[in-house]
């Protein structure tokens, strides 16, 4: 395969971490949707944080054309 001419290697745009406020709001929404169970705060916090991180990676604004 011939080398690419005139193209720099593509760099990923930095992924920003969700803010504490964003995580808190998402966790609260997930907790409400689950029927407001007690004693599972960490579970909802972690789920919210993961969802927000995954959303950032799948954001359509992060396509190669937009970089």
N, C-alpha and C. Protein backbone atom coordinates (compact mmCIF):
# COMPACT_ATOMS: atom_id res chain seq x y z
N UNK A 1 0.85 -1.17 0.00
CA UNK A 1 0.00 0.00 0.00
C UNK A 1 0.90 1.23 0.00
N UNK A 2 0.68 2.17 -0.92
CA UNK A 2 1.52 3.37 -0.96
C UNK A 2 1.24 4.28 0.23
N UNK A 3 2.25 5.01 0.69
CA UNK A 3 2.04 5.93 1.81
C UNK A 3 1.12 7.08 1.40
N UNK A 4 0.42 7.60 2.37
CA UNK A 4 -0.43 8.78 2.11
C UNK A 4 0.47 9.98 1.93
N UNK A 5 0.19 10.73 0.92
CA UNK A 5 0.97 11.93 0.64
C UNK A 5 0.15 13.16 1.01
N UNK A 6 0.76 14.08 1.74
CA UNK A 6 0.11 15.35 2.04
C UNK A 6 -0.94 15.30 3.13
N UNK A 7 -1.00 14.23 3.89
CA UNK A 7 -1.99 14.14 4.96
C UNK A 7 -1.29 13.86 6.27
N UNK A 8 -1.53 14.69 7.24
CA UNK A 8 -0.97 14.48 8.57
C UNK A 8 -1.78 13.39 9.27
N UNK A 9 -1.19 12.67 10.19
CA UNK A 9 -1.96 11.67 10.94
C UNK A 9 -3.12 12.34 11.67
N UNK A 10 -4.23 11.66 11.70
CA UNK A 10 -5.43 12.19 12.35
C UNK A 10 -5.29 12.06 13.86
N UNK A 11 -5.58 13.14 14.56
CA UNK A 11 -5.55 13.11 16.01
C UNK A 11 -6.97 13.20 16.52
N UNK A 12 -7.24 12.47 17.59
CA UNK A 12 -8.55 12.50 18.22
C UNK A 12 -8.72 13.82 18.95
N UNK A 13 -9.93 14.36 18.89
CA UNK A 13 -10.24 15.55 19.68
C UNK A 13 -10.26 15.14 21.15
N UNK A 14 -9.77 15.98 22.03
CA UNK A 14 -9.78 15.61 23.44
C UNK A 14 -11.21 15.40 23.94
N UNK A 15 -11.38 14.36 24.73
CA UNK A 15 -12.69 14.06 25.29
C UNK A 15 -12.78 14.74 26.64
N UNK A 16 -13.79 15.55 26.82
CA UNK A 16 -13.92 16.24 28.09
C UNK A 16 -14.71 15.36 29.06
N UNK A 17 -14.30 15.40 30.30
CA UNK A 17 -15.00 14.64 31.33
C UNK A 17 -16.29 15.36 31.68
N UNK A 18 -17.34 14.60 31.99
CA UNK A 18 -18.58 15.25 32.42
C UNK A 18 -18.35 15.98 33.74
N UNK A 19 -19.07 17.07 33.93
CA UNK A 19 -18.94 17.82 35.18
C UNK A 19 -19.70 17.10 36.28
N UNK A 20 -19.39 17.45 37.50
CA UNK A 20 -20.08 16.86 38.65
C UNK A 20 -21.58 17.16 38.58
N UNK A 21 -21.92 18.36 38.15
CA UNK A 21 -23.34 18.75 38.04
C UNK A 21 -24.05 17.90 37.00
N UNK A 22 -23.41 17.67 35.85
CA UNK A 22 -24.01 16.83 34.81
C UNK A 22 -24.24 15.41 35.31
N UNK A 23 -23.25 14.87 36.01
CA UNK A 23 -23.38 13.52 36.56
C UNK A 23 -24.50 13.48 37.58
N UNK A 24 -24.54 14.47 38.46
CA UNK A 24 -25.57 14.52 39.51
C UNK A 24 -26.97 14.52 38.90
N UNK A 25 -27.17 15.36 37.88
CA UNK A 25 -28.49 15.46 37.25
C UNK A 25 -28.87 14.16 36.55
N UNK A 26 -27.92 13.54 35.86
CA UNK A 26 -28.21 12.28 35.17
C UNK A 26 -28.48 11.17 36.18
N UNK A 27 -27.68 11.12 37.24
CA UNK A 27 -27.87 10.09 38.27
C UNK A 27 -29.24 10.24 38.92
N UNK A 28 -29.64 11.46 39.18
CA UNK A 28 -30.95 11.70 39.78
C UNK A 28 -32.07 11.22 38.85
N UNK A 29 -31.94 11.51 37.58
CA UNK A 29 -32.94 11.08 36.60
C UNK A 29 -33.01 9.55 36.54
N UNK A 30 -31.84 8.89 36.53
CA UNK A 30 -31.81 7.43 36.51
C UNK A 30 -32.44 6.85 37.77
N UNK A 31 -32.14 7.46 38.91
CA UNK A 31 -32.68 7.03 40.19
C UNK A 31 -34.20 7.13 40.19
N UNK A 32 -34.72 8.25 39.68
CA UNK A 32 -36.18 8.43 39.59
C UNK A 32 -36.80 7.39 38.67
N UNK A 33 -36.18 7.14 37.54
CA UNK A 33 -36.70 6.16 36.58
C UNK A 33 -36.73 4.75 37.17
N UNK A 34 -35.80 4.48 38.10
CA UNK A 34 -35.73 3.16 38.72
C UNK A 34 -36.66 3.03 39.92
N UNK A 35 -37.45 4.04 40.20
CA UNK A 35 -38.40 3.99 41.31
C UNK A 35 -37.87 4.49 42.63
N UNK A 36 -36.79 5.26 42.59
CA UNK A 36 -36.19 5.90 43.76
C UNK A 36 -35.76 4.90 44.86
N UNK A 37 -35.01 3.86 44.47
CA UNK A 37 -34.57 2.89 45.49
C UNK A 37 -33.53 3.50 46.42
N UNK A 38 -33.55 3.07 47.67
CA UNK A 38 -32.60 3.59 48.65
C UNK A 38 -31.33 2.76 48.67
N UNK A 39 -30.21 3.41 49.01
CA UNK A 39 -28.95 2.72 49.22
C UNK A 39 -28.19 2.35 47.96
N UNK A 40 -28.54 2.92 46.82
CA UNK A 40 -27.85 2.57 45.57
C UNK A 40 -27.27 3.81 44.89
N UNK A 41 -26.89 4.81 45.69
CA UNK A 41 -26.39 6.07 45.15
C UNK A 41 -25.16 5.87 44.26
N UNK A 42 -24.21 5.05 44.73
CA UNK A 42 -22.99 4.84 43.96
C UNK A 42 -23.29 4.19 42.61
N UNK A 43 -24.22 3.27 42.59
CA UNK A 43 -24.59 2.59 41.35
C UNK A 43 -25.12 3.59 40.32
N UNK A 44 -25.99 4.47 40.75
CA UNK A 44 -26.57 5.45 39.83
C UNK A 44 -25.54 6.49 39.41
N UNK A 45 -24.66 6.87 40.33
CA UNK A 45 -23.61 7.83 39.99
C UNK A 45 -22.70 7.24 38.91
N UNK A 46 -22.27 6.00 39.10
CA UNK A 46 -21.39 5.36 38.13
C UNK A 46 -22.07 5.17 36.78
N UNK A 47 -23.34 4.78 36.79
CA UNK A 47 -24.08 4.60 35.55
C UNK A 47 -24.22 5.93 34.81
N UNK A 48 -24.50 6.99 35.54
CA UNK A 48 -24.65 8.31 34.94
C UNK A 48 -23.33 8.78 34.34
N UNK A 49 -22.25 8.59 35.07
CA UNK A 49 -20.94 9.01 34.59
C UNK A 49 -20.58 8.24 33.31
N UNK A 50 -20.84 6.94 33.29
CA UNK A 50 -20.53 6.14 32.11
C UNK A 50 -21.37 6.55 30.92
N UNK A 51 -22.65 6.78 31.13
CA UNK A 51 -23.53 7.22 30.04
C UNK A 51 -23.04 8.52 29.44
N UNK A 52 -22.67 9.47 30.29
CA UNK A 52 -22.22 10.76 29.79
C UNK A 52 -20.91 10.64 29.01
N UNK A 53 -20.01 9.80 29.48
CA UNK A 53 -18.75 9.58 28.76
C UNK A 53 -19.02 8.93 27.40
N UNK A 54 -19.93 7.96 27.37
CA UNK A 54 -20.25 7.29 26.11
C UNK A 54 -20.94 8.24 25.14
N UNK A 55 -21.78 9.13 25.64
CA UNK A 55 -22.43 10.11 24.78
C UNK A 55 -21.39 11.00 24.11
N UNK A 56 -20.37 11.39 24.86
CA UNK A 56 -19.35 12.26 24.30
C UNK A 56 -18.62 11.57 23.15
N UNK A 57 -18.33 10.29 23.31
CA UNK A 57 -17.63 9.56 22.27
C UNK A 57 -18.48 9.35 21.02
N UNK A 58 -19.79 9.28 21.21
CA UNK A 58 -20.66 9.04 20.06
C UNK A 58 -21.26 10.32 19.50
N UNK A 59 -20.84 11.46 20.01
CA UNK A 59 -21.35 12.75 19.55
C UNK A 59 -21.06 12.91 18.07
N UNK A 60 -22.08 13.21 17.28
CA UNK A 60 -21.92 13.34 15.84
C UNK A 60 -21.02 14.50 15.46
N UNK A 61 -20.80 15.43 16.36
CA UNK A 61 -19.91 16.56 16.07
C UNK A 61 -18.46 16.12 16.03
N UNK A 62 -18.17 14.92 16.48
CA UNK A 62 -16.79 14.43 16.54
C UNK A 62 -16.46 13.54 15.34
N UNK A 63 -17.06 13.76 14.22
CA UNK A 63 -16.76 12.98 13.02
C UNK A 63 -15.43 13.44 12.44
N UNK A 64 -14.77 12.60 11.64
CA UNK A 64 -13.50 13.02 11.05
C UNK A 64 -13.61 14.31 10.26
N UNK A 65 -14.74 14.54 9.60
CA UNK A 65 -14.92 15.78 8.83
C UNK A 65 -14.92 17.02 9.73
N UNK A 66 -15.33 16.85 10.96
CA UNK A 66 -15.45 18.01 11.87
C UNK A 66 -14.16 18.26 12.65
N UNK A 67 -13.21 17.34 12.56
CA UNK A 67 -11.98 17.50 13.34
C UNK A 67 -11.03 18.45 12.66
